[in-house]
Amino acid sequence: MTVAAIVVAAGQGARFGGLKQFADLDNESVARRSVRGARSVASKVVLVVPVDYDGTGEGADVVVTGGASRAASVRSGLVECADADIVVVHDAARPLASPELFHLVVDAVKNGASAAVPGLAITDTVKRVRRAGESTVVDATVTREDLVTVQTPQAFRRATLEQAHAASSDATDDAALVEALDEVVVVVPGEQQNIKITSASDLHRAIETIRGGQ
């Protein structure tokens, strides 16, 4: 089964204060490292970039311009994956995802799943909250045993992912679009080191993690 990957790097990095996906990460850009990770399973890597991108492609095979939302950006990349059986979608802001994690989600789809995502069990107590005037108050304590936090890379049968995007315009991740089709999404073990870079401190932590492993 042929595999293509879409690395989403089209965000504006408002919380980071700039284009975090192109920040320097131990002598290479964040996006370049994410592209390299995706290439561990994919014969074709598509990088989705902002409209004003002026780089050299970060090692990707194809570079396309993203849309107004994350889902629109994925759809821009999906157009370039028409010849693949499996499509992996990965956030450029998660540059520490290991090749093993990419293989886990792809193998789950090869073994029959429509989609596969990495998930981490929640160890903290989780509470649902609500606004009460000027305050935020606890509404309920949520049972955490049935909850996970989800990461990328996420793998999909290409036809299923295309159908999901055609049926729904937007969601926080592509798995949610597939869930809306009542397809089963398999959860594989995620990685603690697979952090999402949203702040300067996250970038420093990622650099420390890389240098600690060398």
N, C-alpha and C. Protein backbone atom coordinates (compact mmCIF):
# COMPACT_ATOMS: atom_id res chain seq x y z
N MET A 1 0.85 -1.19 0.00
CA MET A 1 0.00 0.00 0.00
C MET A 1 0.89 1.24 0.00
N THR A 2 0.60 2.19 -0.88
CA THR A 2 1.41 3.40 -0.98
C THR A 2 0.98 4.42 0.07
N VAL A 3 1.97 5.13 0.59
CA VAL A 3 1.73 6.09 1.67
C VAL A 3 2.24 7.47 1.26
N ALA A 4 1.41 8.48 1.44
CA ALA A 4 1.81 9.88 1.28
C ALA A 4 1.58 10.59 2.60
N ALA A 5 2.30 11.68 2.83
CA ALA A 5 2.17 12.43 4.07
C ALA A 5 1.92 13.90 3.77
N ILE A 6 1.06 14.50 4.58
CA ILE A 6 0.81 15.94 4.53
C ILE A 6 1.32 16.52 5.83
N VAL A 7 2.30 17.40 5.73
CA VAL A 7 2.83 18.10 6.91
C VAL A 7 2.24 19.52 6.90
N VAL A 8 1.42 19.81 7.90
CA VAL A 8 0.69 21.07 7.93
C VAL A 8 1.53 22.13 8.62
N ALA A 9 1.92 23.14 7.86
CA ALA A 9 2.79 24.21 8.37
C ALA A 9 2.28 25.57 7.92
N ALA A 10 0.96 25.73 7.88
CA ALA A 10 0.37 26.94 7.32
C ALA A 10 -0.09 27.94 8.36
N GLY A 11 0.08 27.62 9.66
CA GLY A 11 -0.39 28.52 10.71
C GLY A 11 0.42 29.80 10.81
N GLN A 12 -0.15 30.78 11.51
CA GLN A 12 0.51 32.07 11.68
C GLN A 12 1.25 32.19 13.01
N GLY A 13 1.09 31.21 13.89
CA GLY A 13 1.84 31.20 15.14
C GLY A 13 1.56 32.37 16.05
N ALA A 14 0.27 32.71 16.21
CA ALA A 14 -0.09 33.88 17.01
C ALA A 14 0.38 33.76 18.45
N ARG A 15 0.20 32.58 19.07
CA ARG A 15 0.62 32.40 20.46
C ARG A 15 2.14 32.37 20.60
N PHE A 16 2.81 31.90 19.56
CA PHE A 16 4.27 31.83 19.59
C PHE A 16 4.91 33.19 19.35
N GLY A 17 4.19 34.04 18.59
CA GLY A 17 4.74 35.35 18.24
C GLY A 17 5.46 35.35 16.91
N GLY A 18 5.20 34.36 16.09
CA GLY A 18 5.84 34.26 14.78
C GLY A 18 5.59 32.89 14.20
N LEU A 19 6.24 32.59 13.09
CA LEU A 19 6.03 31.32 12.40
C LEU A 19 6.88 30.24 13.07
N LYS A 20 6.32 29.65 14.12
CA LYS A 20 7.05 28.67 14.93
C LYS A 20 7.52 27.48 14.10
N GLN A 21 6.77 27.15 13.04
CA GLN A 21 7.10 25.97 12.26
C GLN A 21 8.39 26.13 11.47
N PHE A 22 8.86 27.38 11.36
CA PHE A 22 10.11 27.62 10.64
C PHE A 22 11.22 28.14 11.56
N ALA A 23 10.96 28.09 12.86
CA ALA A 23 11.98 28.48 13.84
C ALA A 23 13.13 27.46 13.81
N ASP A 24 14.30 27.91 14.25
CA ASP A 24 15.47 27.04 14.27
C ASP A 24 15.36 26.03 15.41
N LEU A 25 15.56 24.77 15.07
CA LEU A 25 15.51 23.69 16.05
C LEU A 25 16.80 22.89 15.93
N ASP A 26 17.81 23.32 16.67
CA ASP A 26 19.10 22.63 16.66
C ASP A 26 19.65 22.50 15.23
N ASN A 27 19.73 23.65 14.57
CA ASN A 27 20.35 23.78 13.25
C ASN A 27 19.51 23.27 12.08
N GLU A 28 18.23 23.08 12.30
CA GLU A 28 17.30 22.86 11.19
C GLU A 28 15.95 23.42 11.60
N SER A 29 15.10 23.70 10.63
CA SER A 29 13.80 24.26 10.99
C SER A 29 12.91 23.20 11.61
N VAL A 30 11.95 23.66 12.40
CA VAL A 30 10.96 22.76 13.00
C VAL A 30 10.27 21.95 11.90
N ALA A 31 9.85 22.62 10.83
CA ALA A 31 9.14 21.95 9.74
C ALA A 31 10.02 20.92 9.04
N ARG A 32 11.29 21.24 8.85
CA ARG A 32 12.18 20.30 8.18
C ARG A 32 12.31 19.00 8.97
N ARG A 33 12.39 19.12 10.28
CA ARG A 33 12.49 17.91 11.10
C ARG A 33 11.19 17.10 11.01
N SER A 34 10.04 17.78 10.97
CA SER A 34 8.76 17.09 10.85
C SER A 34 8.62 16.40 9.49
N VAL A 35 9.10 17.05 8.45
CA VAL A 35 9.09 16.44 7.11
C VAL A 35 9.97 15.19 7.12
N ARG A 36 11.10 15.28 7.77
CA ARG A 36 12.01 14.12 7.84
C ARG A 36 11.34 12.95 8.57
N GLY A 37 10.61 13.26 9.64
CA GLY A 37 9.89 12.21 10.34
C GLY A 37 8.84 11.55 9.47
N ALA A 38 8.10 12.37 8.72
CA ALA A 38 7.05 11.84 7.84
C ALA A 38 7.63 10.96 6.75
N ARG A 39 8.84 11.27 6.32
CA ARG A 39 9.45 10.50 5.24
C ARG A 39 9.82 9.09 5.68
N SER A 40 9.79 8.84 6.98
CA SER A 40 10.10 7.49 7.46
C SER A 40 9.04 6.48 7.03
N VAL A 41 7.84 6.95 6.66
CA VAL A 41 6.78 6.05 6.20
C VAL A 41 6.25 6.41 4.81
N ALA A 42 6.51 7.60 4.34
CA ALA A 42 5.85 8.09 3.13
C ALA A 42 6.82 8.22 1.96
N SER A 43 6.37 7.79 0.80
CA SER A 43 7.18 7.95 -0.41
C SER A 43 7.01 9.35 -0.99
N LYS A 44 5.99 10.07 -0.55
CA LYS A 44 5.75 11.43 -1.01
C LYS A 44 5.33 12.28 0.18
N VAL A 45 6.00 13.42 0.38
CA VAL A 45 5.67 14.32 1.48
C VAL A 45 5.26 15.66 0.91
N VAL A 46 4.06 16.10 1.30
CA VAL A 46 3.52 17.39 0.87
C VAL A 46 3.58 18.35 2.05
N LEU A 47 4.19 19.50 1.86
CA LEU A 47 4.27 20.52 2.90
C LEU A 47 3.28 21.63 2.57
N VAL A 48 2.41 21.95 3.54
CA VAL A 48 1.42 23.01 3.36
C VAL A 48 1.91 24.24 4.12
N VAL A 49 2.06 25.35 3.40
CA VAL A 49 2.73 26.53 3.94
C VAL A 49 1.83 27.77 3.88
N PRO A 50 2.19 28.83 4.64
CA PRO A 50 1.43 30.08 4.54
C PRO A 50 1.61 30.73 3.18
N VAL A 51 0.72 31.65 2.87
CA VAL A 51 0.73 32.27 1.55
C VAL A 51 2.02 33.04 1.28
N ASP A 52 2.68 33.55 2.34
CA ASP A 52 3.89 34.35 2.14
C ASP A 52 5.17 33.55 2.36
N TYR A 53 5.08 32.25 2.32
CA TYR A 53 6.27 31.40 2.51
C TYR A 53 7.28 31.64 1.40
N ASP A 54 8.55 31.80 1.77
CA ASP A 54 9.60 32.05 0.76
C ASP A 54 10.79 31.12 0.95
N GLY A 55 10.54 29.94 1.57
CA GLY A 55 11.61 28.99 1.82
C GLY A 55 11.85 28.07 0.64
N THR A 56 12.64 27.03 0.90
CA THR A 56 13.05 26.10 -0.15
C THR A 56 12.33 24.76 -0.08
N GLY A 57 11.32 24.63 0.79
CA GLY A 57 10.53 23.42 0.83
C GLY A 57 10.78 22.51 2.01
N GLU A 58 11.79 22.80 2.82
CA GLU A 58 12.07 22.05 4.05
C GLU A 58 12.24 20.56 3.80
N GLY A 59 12.66 20.20 2.59
CA GLY A 59 12.89 18.80 2.28
C GLY A 59 11.68 18.05 1.74
N ALA A 60 10.55 18.72 1.58
CA ALA A 60 9.34 18.07 1.07
C ALA A 60 9.42 17.88 -0.44
N ASP A 61 8.60 16.98 -0.96
CA ASP A 61 8.54 16.75 -2.41
C ASP A 61 7.67 17.78 -3.12
N VAL A 62 6.60 18.20 -2.44
CA VAL A 62 5.65 19.16 -3.00
C VAL A 62 5.33 20.20 -1.95
N VAL A 63 5.24 21.47 -2.34
CA VAL A 63 4.86 22.56 -1.44
C VAL A 63 3.60 23.21 -1.98
N VAL A 64 2.57 23.32 -1.13
CA VAL A 64 1.32 23.96 -1.53
C VAL A 64 0.94 25.01 -0.49
N THR A 65 0.15 25.97 -0.91
CA THR A 65 -0.32 27.01 -0.01
C THR A 65 -1.57 26.57 0.73
N GLY A 66 -1.61 26.86 2.03
CA GLY A 66 -2.73 26.47 2.86
C GLY A 66 -3.93 27.36 2.72
N GLY A 67 -4.99 27.03 3.47
CA GLY A 67 -6.22 27.79 3.42
C GLY A 67 -6.46 28.58 4.69
N ALA A 68 -7.70 29.01 4.88
CA ALA A 68 -8.05 29.88 6.01
C ALA A 68 -8.17 29.11 7.31
N SER A 69 -8.30 27.79 7.25
CA SER A 69 -8.41 26.97 8.44
C SER A 69 -7.48 25.77 8.30
N ARG A 70 -7.29 25.05 9.42
CA ARG A 70 -6.44 23.87 9.36
C ARG A 70 -7.02 22.85 8.37
N ALA A 71 -8.33 22.62 8.45
CA ALA A 71 -8.96 21.65 7.56
C ALA A 71 -8.80 22.04 6.10
N ALA A 72 -8.92 23.33 5.81
CA ALA A 72 -8.73 23.80 4.43
C ALA A 72 -7.30 23.56 3.97
N SER A 73 -6.35 23.72 4.89
CA SER A 73 -4.95 23.47 4.55
C SER A 73 -4.71 22.00 4.26
N VAL A 74 -5.32 21.12 5.06
CA VAL A 74 -5.20 19.69 4.80
C VAL A 74 -5.78 19.35 3.43
N ARG A 75 -6.90 19.94 3.11
CA ARG A 75 -7.51 19.68 1.80
C ARG A 75 -6.59 20.12 0.67
N SER A 76 -5.86 21.21 0.86
CA SER A 76 -4.90 21.65 -0.16
C SER A 76 -3.83 20.59 -0.38
N GLY A 77 -3.37 19.99 0.72
CA GLY A 77 -2.38 18.94 0.60
C GLY A 77 -2.95 17.65 0.04
N LEU A 78 -4.19 17.36 0.38
CA LEU A 78 -4.83 16.12 -0.03
C LEU A 78 -4.96 16.03 -1.55
N VAL A 79 -5.10 17.15 -2.20
CA VAL A 79 -5.20 17.17 -3.66
C VAL A 79 -3.97 16.53 -4.29
N GLU A 80 -2.82 16.67 -3.61
CA GLU A 80 -1.56 16.15 -4.14
C GLU A 80 -1.32 14.68 -3.79
N CYS A 81 -2.27 14.05 -3.11
CA CYS A 81 -2.08 12.68 -2.63
C CYS A 81 -3.02 11.69 -3.30
N ALA A 82 -3.51 12.03 -4.48
CA ALA A 82 -4.55 11.22 -5.14
C ALA A 82 -4.08 9.81 -5.49
N ASP A 83 -2.75 9.60 -5.59
CA ASP A 83 -2.26 8.29 -5.98
C ASP A 83 -1.86 7.42 -4.78
N ALA A 84 -2.14 7.89 -3.55
CA ALA A 84 -1.76 7.13 -2.35
C ALA A 84 -2.94 6.32 -1.82
N ASP A 85 -2.63 5.19 -1.20
CA ASP A 85 -3.66 4.39 -0.52
C ASP A 85 -3.89 4.90 0.90
N ILE A 86 -2.82 5.33 1.54
CA ILE A 86 -2.86 5.81 2.92
C ILE A 86 -2.28 7.22 2.97
N VAL A 87 -2.93 8.08 3.72
CA VAL A 87 -2.42 9.45 3.90
C VAL A 87 -2.17 9.69 5.38
N VAL A 88 -0.99 10.17 5.68
CA VAL A 88 -0.62 10.55 7.04
C VAL A 88 -0.70 12.07 7.14
N VAL A 89 -1.38 12.58 8.16
CA VAL A 89 -1.44 14.02 8.39
C VAL A 89 -0.68 14.33 9.68
N HIS A 90 0.26 15.25 9.58
CA HIS A 90 1.11 15.56 10.72
C HIS A 90 1.27 17.07 10.87
N ASP A 91 1.18 17.54 12.10
CA ASP A 91 1.42 18.96 12.37
C ASP A 91 2.92 19.23 12.38
N ALA A 92 3.35 20.22 11.60
CA ALA A 92 4.76 20.58 11.59
C ALA A 92 5.25 20.96 12.98
N ALA A 93 4.35 21.45 13.82
CA ALA A 93 4.73 21.90 15.17
C ALA A 93 4.99 20.75 16.13
N ARG A 94 4.93 19.51 15.65
CA ARG A 94 5.30 18.34 16.47
C ARG A 94 6.53 17.67 15.85
N PRO A 95 7.69 18.28 15.98
CA PRO A 95 8.88 17.79 15.28
C PRO A 95 9.55 16.59 15.94
N LEU A 96 9.13 16.19 17.14
CA LEU A 96 9.81 15.11 17.86
C LEU A 96 9.11 13.76 17.74
N ALA A 97 8.06 13.68 16.94
CA ALA A 97 7.41 12.39 16.72
C ALA A 97 8.42 11.42 16.11
N SER A 98 8.51 10.23 16.69
CA SER A 98 9.53 9.28 16.25
C SER A 98 9.08 8.52 15.01
N PRO A 99 10.04 7.97 14.25
CA PRO A 99 9.66 7.10 13.13
C PRO A 99 8.79 5.93 13.58
N GLU A 100 9.04 5.42 14.79
CA GLU A 100 8.23 4.33 15.31
C GLU A 100 6.76 4.72 15.44
N LEU A 101 6.49 5.97 15.85
CA LEU A 101 5.11 6.43 15.98
C LEU A 101 4.44 6.53 14.61
N PHE A 102 5.17 7.04 13.62
CA PHE A 102 4.63 7.08 12.26
C PHE A 102 4.26 5.67 11.79
N HIS A 103 5.14 4.72 12.06
CA HIS A 103 4.88 3.34 11.63
C HIS A 103 3.68 2.74 12.37
N LEU A 104 3.51 3.08 13.64
CA LEU A 104 2.39 2.54 14.41
C LEU A 104 1.05 2.92 13.79
N VAL A 105 0.88 4.21 13.44
CA VAL A 105 -0.41 4.63 12.89
C VAL A 105 -0.62 4.08 11.48
N VAL A 106 0.45 4.05 10.70
CA VAL A 106 0.32 3.51 9.34
C VAL A 106 0.02 2.02 9.37
N ASP A 107 0.70 1.29 10.24
CA ASP A 107 0.48 -0.15 10.33
C ASP A 107 -0.96 -0.46 10.76
N ALA A 108 -1.53 0.37 11.64
CA ALA A 108 -2.92 0.15 12.07
C ALA A 108 -3.88 0.25 10.89
N VAL A 109 -3.62 1.19 9.99
CA VAL A 109 -4.47 1.33 8.80
C VAL A 109 -4.21 0.18 7.82
N LYS A 110 -2.96 -0.20 7.66
CA LYS A 110 -2.65 -1.34 6.80
C LYS A 110 -3.33 -2.61 7.29
N ASN A 111 -3.53 -2.68 8.61
CA ASN A 111 -4.16 -3.86 9.19
C ASN A 111 -5.69 -3.79 9.21
N GLY A 112 -6.26 -2.75 8.58
CA GLY A 112 -7.70 -2.72 8.40
C GLY A 112 -8.44 -1.53 8.97
N ALA A 113 -7.79 -0.71 9.80
CA ALA A 113 -8.47 0.46 10.36
C ALA A 113 -8.71 1.52 9.28
N SER A 114 -9.77 2.28 9.45
CA SER A 114 -10.00 3.42 8.55
C SER A 114 -9.11 4.58 8.91
N ALA A 115 -8.78 4.67 10.21
CA ALA A 115 -7.94 5.76 10.70
C ALA A 115 -7.27 5.33 11.98
N ALA A 116 -6.14 5.95 12.29
CA ALA A 116 -5.42 5.67 13.53
C ALA A 116 -4.77 6.93 14.04
N VAL A 117 -4.86 7.14 15.37
CA VAL A 117 -4.28 8.32 16.00
C VAL A 117 -3.49 7.91 17.23
N PRO A 118 -2.44 8.67 17.60
CA PRO A 118 -1.73 8.40 18.85
C PRO A 118 -2.46 9.08 20.01
N GLY A 119 -2.59 8.36 21.12
CA GLY A 119 -3.26 8.93 22.29
C GLY A 119 -2.47 8.69 23.55
N LEU A 120 -2.55 9.64 24.48
CA LEU A 120 -1.91 9.52 25.78
C LEU A 120 -2.97 9.53 26.87
N ALA A 121 -2.84 8.62 27.82
CA ALA A 121 -3.75 8.61 28.95
C ALA A 121 -3.58 9.89 29.77
N ILE A 122 -4.67 10.35 30.35
CA ILE A 122 -4.65 11.56 31.19
C ILE A 122 -4.38 11.15 32.63
N THR A 123 -3.35 11.75 33.22
CA THR A 123 -2.99 11.41 34.60
C THR A 123 -3.50 12.44 35.61
N ASP A 124 -3.77 13.65 35.16
CA ASP A 124 -4.31 14.66 36.05
C ASP A 124 -5.81 14.50 36.22
N THR A 125 -6.34 14.99 37.34
CA THR A 125 -7.78 15.05 37.52
C THR A 125 -8.37 16.05 36.53
N VAL A 126 -9.49 15.69 35.91
CA VAL A 126 -10.12 16.53 34.89
C VAL A 126 -11.46 17.03 35.41
N LYS A 127 -11.67 18.33 35.30
CA LYS A 127 -12.94 18.92 35.73
C LYS A 127 -13.56 19.74 34.60
N ARG A 128 -14.87 19.58 34.45
CA ARG A 128 -15.61 20.43 33.53
C ARG A 128 -15.96 21.71 34.27
N VAL A 129 -15.75 22.86 33.59
CA VAL A 129 -15.99 24.15 34.25
C VAL A 129 -17.01 24.96 33.47
N ARG A 130 -17.51 26.00 34.12
CA ARG A 130 -18.44 26.93 33.47
C ARG A 130 -18.22 28.32 34.03
N ARG A 131 -18.67 29.29 33.29
CA ARG A 131 -18.58 30.68 33.75
C ARG A 131 -19.74 31.00 34.67
N ALA A 132 -19.45 31.67 35.77
CA ALA A 132 -20.48 32.14 36.72
C ALA A 132 -20.17 33.60 37.03
N GLY A 133 -20.76 34.48 36.26
CA GLY A 133 -20.44 35.90 36.40
C GLY A 133 -19.02 36.17 35.97
N GLU A 134 -18.21 36.70 36.88
CA GLU A 134 -16.81 37.01 36.59
C GLU A 134 -15.88 35.84 36.91
N SER A 135 -16.43 34.76 37.43
CA SER A 135 -15.61 33.64 37.89
C SER A 135 -15.78 32.41 37.01
N THR A 136 -14.80 31.55 37.05
CA THR A 136 -14.89 30.21 36.46
C THR A 136 -15.03 29.22 37.60
N VAL A 137 -16.06 28.39 37.57
CA VAL A 137 -16.32 27.46 38.67
C VAL A 137 -16.41 26.04 38.13
N VAL A 138 -16.20 25.06 39.00
CA VAL A 138 -16.28 23.66 38.63
C VAL A 138 -17.73 23.25 38.45
N ASP A 139 -17.99 22.62 37.31
CA ASP A 139 -19.33 22.09 37.03
C ASP A 139 -19.42 20.60 37.39
N ALA A 140 -18.32 19.87 37.13
CA ALA A 140 -18.30 18.45 37.46
C ALA A 140 -16.88 17.92 37.31
N THR A 141 -16.60 16.84 38.01
CA THR A 141 -15.34 16.11 37.83
C THR A 141 -15.59 15.00 36.83
N VAL A 142 -14.73 14.93 35.81
CA VAL A 142 -14.93 14.01 34.69
C VAL A 142 -14.10 12.75 34.93
N THR A 143 -14.69 11.60 34.69
CA THR A 143 -13.95 10.34 34.79
C THR A 143 -12.90 10.29 33.69
N ARG A 144 -11.65 10.17 34.10
CA ARG A 144 -10.56 10.28 33.12
C ARG A 144 -10.18 8.95 32.48
N GLU A 145 -10.66 7.84 33.02
CA GLU A 145 -10.26 6.53 32.50
C GLU A 145 -10.62 6.34 31.03
N ASP A 146 -11.68 7.00 30.59
CA ASP A 146 -12.12 6.85 29.20
C ASP A 146 -11.65 8.00 28.31
N LEU A 147 -10.68 8.80 28.79
CA LEU A 147 -10.22 9.96 28.04
C LEU A 147 -8.75 9.82 27.67
N VAL A 148 -8.39 10.34 26.50
CA VAL A 148 -7.00 10.45 26.09
C VAL A 148 -6.79 11.80 25.44
N THR A 149 -5.57 12.27 25.46
CA THR A 149 -5.20 13.42 24.64
C THR A 149 -4.60 12.88 23.35
N VAL A 150 -4.91 13.52 22.25
CA VAL A 150 -4.56 12.99 20.93
C VAL A 150 -3.49 13.84 20.27
N GLN A 151 -2.58 13.17 19.57
CA GLN A 151 -1.46 13.82 18.89
C GLN A 151 -1.56 13.59 17.38
N THR A 152 -0.59 14.11 16.67
CA THR A 152 -0.30 13.67 15.31
C THR A 152 1.10 13.05 15.36
N PRO A 153 1.43 12.17 14.40
CA PRO A 153 0.79 11.90 13.12
C PRO A 153 -0.49 11.07 13.26
N GLN A 154 -1.42 11.32 12.32
CA GLN A 154 -2.64 10.53 12.21
C GLN A 154 -2.68 9.94 10.80
N ALA A 155 -3.06 8.67 10.72
CA ALA A 155 -3.07 7.99 9.42
C ALA A 155 -4.50 7.63 9.02
N PHE A 156 -4.75 7.65 7.72
CA PHE A 156 -6.10 7.43 7.20
C PHE A 156 -6.05 6.67 5.87
N ARG A 157 -7.08 5.89 5.62
CA ARG A 157 -7.30 5.47 4.24
C ARG A 157 -7.64 6.73 3.45
N ARG A 158 -6.98 6.91 2.34
CA ARG A 158 -7.15 8.16 1.60
C ARG A 158 -8.61 8.39 1.22
N ALA A 159 -9.28 7.35 0.74
CA ALA A 159 -10.67 7.51 0.32
C ALA A 159 -11.55 7.95 1.49
N THR A 160 -11.29 7.41 2.67
CA THR A 160 -12.07 7.78 3.85
C THR A 160 -11.82 9.23 4.22
N LEU A 161 -10.56 9.65 4.18
CA LEU A 161 -10.23 11.03 4.53
C LEU A 161 -10.84 12.01 3.54
N GLU A 162 -10.81 11.67 2.27
CA GLU A 162 -11.44 12.54 1.26
C GLU A 162 -12.94 12.64 1.50
N GLN A 163 -13.57 11.52 1.81
CA GLN A 163 -15.01 11.52 2.08
C GLN A 163 -15.32 12.36 3.31
N ALA A 164 -14.49 12.26 4.33
CA ALA A 164 -14.71 13.01 5.57
C ALA A 164 -14.61 14.51 5.33
N HIS A 165 -13.65 14.93 4.53
CA HIS A 165 -13.49 16.35 4.25
C HIS A 165 -14.60 16.86 3.34
N ALA A 166 -15.10 16.02 2.48
CA ALA A 166 -16.21 16.44 1.62
C ALA A 166 -17.50 16.60 2.41
N ALA A 167 -17.62 15.83 3.51
CA ALA A 167 -18.85 15.86 4.30
C ALA A 167 -18.88 16.95 5.36
N SER A 168 -17.70 17.37 5.85
CA SER A 168 -17.63 18.36 6.92
C SER A 168 -16.55 19.38 6.59
N SER A 169 -16.80 20.62 6.91
CA SER A 169 -15.87 21.68 6.50
C SER A 169 -14.72 21.90 7.46
N ASP A 170 -14.92 21.62 8.76
CA ASP A 170 -13.87 21.96 9.71
C ASP A 170 -13.99 21.14 10.98
N ALA A 171 -12.86 20.96 11.65
CA ALA A 171 -12.79 20.29 12.95
C ALA A 171 -11.41 20.55 13.51
N THR A 172 -11.21 20.22 14.79
CA THR A 172 -9.91 20.48 15.41
C THR A 172 -8.83 19.52 14.91
N ASP A 173 -9.23 18.34 14.45
CA ASP A 173 -8.28 17.45 13.79
C ASP A 173 -9.03 16.60 12.76
N ASP A 174 -8.26 15.92 11.92
CA ASP A 174 -8.88 15.17 10.84
C ASP A 174 -9.63 13.95 11.35
N ALA A 175 -9.18 13.39 12.47
CA ALA A 175 -9.87 12.24 13.03
C ALA A 175 -11.31 12.59 13.39
N ALA A 176 -11.55 13.80 13.85
CA ALA A 176 -12.91 14.21 14.19
C ALA A 176 -13.81 14.20 12.96
N LEU A 177 -13.27 14.55 11.82
CA LEU A 177 -14.06 14.51 10.58
C LEU A 177 -14.41 13.07 10.22
N VAL A 178 -13.45 12.17 10.43
CA VAL A 178 -13.70 10.76 10.14
C VAL A 178 -14.70 10.18 11.13
N GLU A 179 -14.60 10.58 12.39
CA GLU A 179 -15.56 10.13 13.40
C GLU A 179 -16.99 10.51 13.02
N ALA A 180 -17.14 11.67 12.39
CA ALA A 180 -18.47 12.13 11.99
C ALA A 180 -19.11 11.22 10.95
N LEU A 181 -18.29 10.40 10.29
CA LEU A 181 -18.81 9.42 9.33
C LEU A 181 -19.19 8.11 10.01
N ASP A 182 -19.02 8.07 11.34
CA ASP A 182 -19.24 6.84 12.12
C ASP A 182 -18.23 5.76 11.78
N GLU A 183 -17.06 6.17 11.33
CA GLU A 183 -15.96 5.23 11.10
C GLU A 183 -15.21 5.03 12.42
N VAL A 184 -14.64 3.85 12.60
CA VAL A 184 -13.87 3.56 13.81
C VAL A 184 -12.46 4.12 13.67
N VAL A 185 -12.05 4.90 14.66
CA VAL A 185 -10.69 5.44 14.71
C VAL A 185 -9.93 4.69 15.79
N VAL A 186 -8.87 3.99 15.40
CA VAL A 186 -8.05 3.22 16.33
C VAL A 186 -7.07 4.14 17.04
N VAL A 187 -6.88 3.93 18.34
CA VAL A 187 -5.91 4.71 19.12
C VAL A 187 -4.70 3.84 19.41
N VAL A 188 -3.52 4.34 19.04
CA VAL A 188 -2.26 3.66 19.36
C VAL A 188 -1.55 4.47 20.45
N PRO A 189 -0.58 3.88 21.15
CA PRO A 189 0.10 4.63 22.21
C PRO A 189 0.87 5.83 21.66
N GLY A 190 0.62 6.99 22.25
CA GLY A 190 1.36 8.19 21.88
C GLY A 190 2.69 8.27 22.58
N GLU A 191 3.37 9.41 22.40
CA GLU A 191 4.71 9.58 22.98
C GLU A 191 4.75 10.85 23.82
N GLN A 192 5.28 10.74 25.02
CA GLN A 192 5.41 11.91 25.89
C GLN A 192 6.30 12.97 25.27
N GLN A 193 7.31 12.56 24.55
CA GLN A 193 8.24 13.53 23.97
C GLN A 193 7.67 14.24 22.74
N ASN A 194 6.54 13.75 22.25
CA ASN A 194 5.94 14.31 21.03
C ASN A 194 5.15 15.58 21.37
N ILE A 195 5.86 16.57 21.86
CA ILE A 195 5.23 17.82 22.29
C ILE A 195 4.87 18.68 21.09
N LYS A 196 3.86 19.51 21.28
CA LYS A 196 3.47 20.47 20.25
C LYS A 196 4.06 21.82 20.63
N ILE A 197 4.81 22.40 19.72
CA ILE A 197 5.46 23.68 20.00
C ILE A 197 4.45 24.81 19.82
N THR A 198 4.09 25.43 20.94
CA THR A 198 3.17 26.57 20.92
C THR A 198 3.79 27.81 21.54
N SER A 199 4.91 27.66 22.23
CA SER A 199 5.55 28.80 22.90
C SER A 199 7.06 28.65 22.79
N ALA A 200 7.77 29.73 23.13
CA ALA A 200 9.23 29.70 23.09
C ALA A 200 9.77 28.66 24.06
N SER A 201 9.13 28.48 25.19
CA SER A 201 9.59 27.48 26.15
C SER A 201 9.47 26.07 25.59
N ASP A 202 8.43 25.81 24.77
CA ASP A 202 8.30 24.51 24.13
C ASP A 202 9.46 24.26 23.17
N LEU A 203 9.86 25.31 22.46
CA LEU A 203 10.98 25.18 21.52
C LEU A 203 12.26 24.85 22.28
N HIS A 204 12.50 25.54 23.39
CA HIS A 204 13.69 25.26 24.20
C HIS A 204 13.66 23.83 24.74
N ARG A 205 12.48 23.39 25.15
CA ARG A 205 12.34 22.02 25.66
C ARG A 205 12.64 21.00 24.58
N ALA A 206 12.18 21.28 23.36
CA ALA A 206 12.44 20.37 22.23
C ALA A 206 13.93 20.30 21.93
N ILE A 207 14.60 21.44 21.96
CA ILE A 207 16.05 21.46 21.72
C ILE A 207 16.78 20.65 22.78
N GLU A 208 16.37 20.82 24.03
CA GLU A 208 16.99 20.07 25.12
C GLU A 208 16.76 18.57 24.96
N THR A 209 15.56 18.21 24.51
CA THR A 209 15.25 16.79 24.30
C THR A 209 16.14 16.20 23.22
N ILE A 210 16.32 16.93 22.13
CA ILE A 210 17.16 16.46 21.02
C ILE A 210 18.60 16.31 21.48
N ARG A 211 19.12 17.32 22.14
CA ARG A 211 20.53 17.27 22.57
C ARG A 211 20.74 16.24 23.67
N GLY A 212 19.71 16.00 24.48
CA GLY A 212 19.82 14.99 25.52
C GLY A 212 19.89 13.58 24.96
N GLY A 213 19.32 13.42 23.76
CA GLY A 213 19.32 12.10 23.14
C GLY A 213 20.51 11.83 22.26
N GLN A 214 21.38 12.81 22.11
CA GLN A 214 22.53 12.65 21.22
C GLN A 214 23.71 12.02 21.96
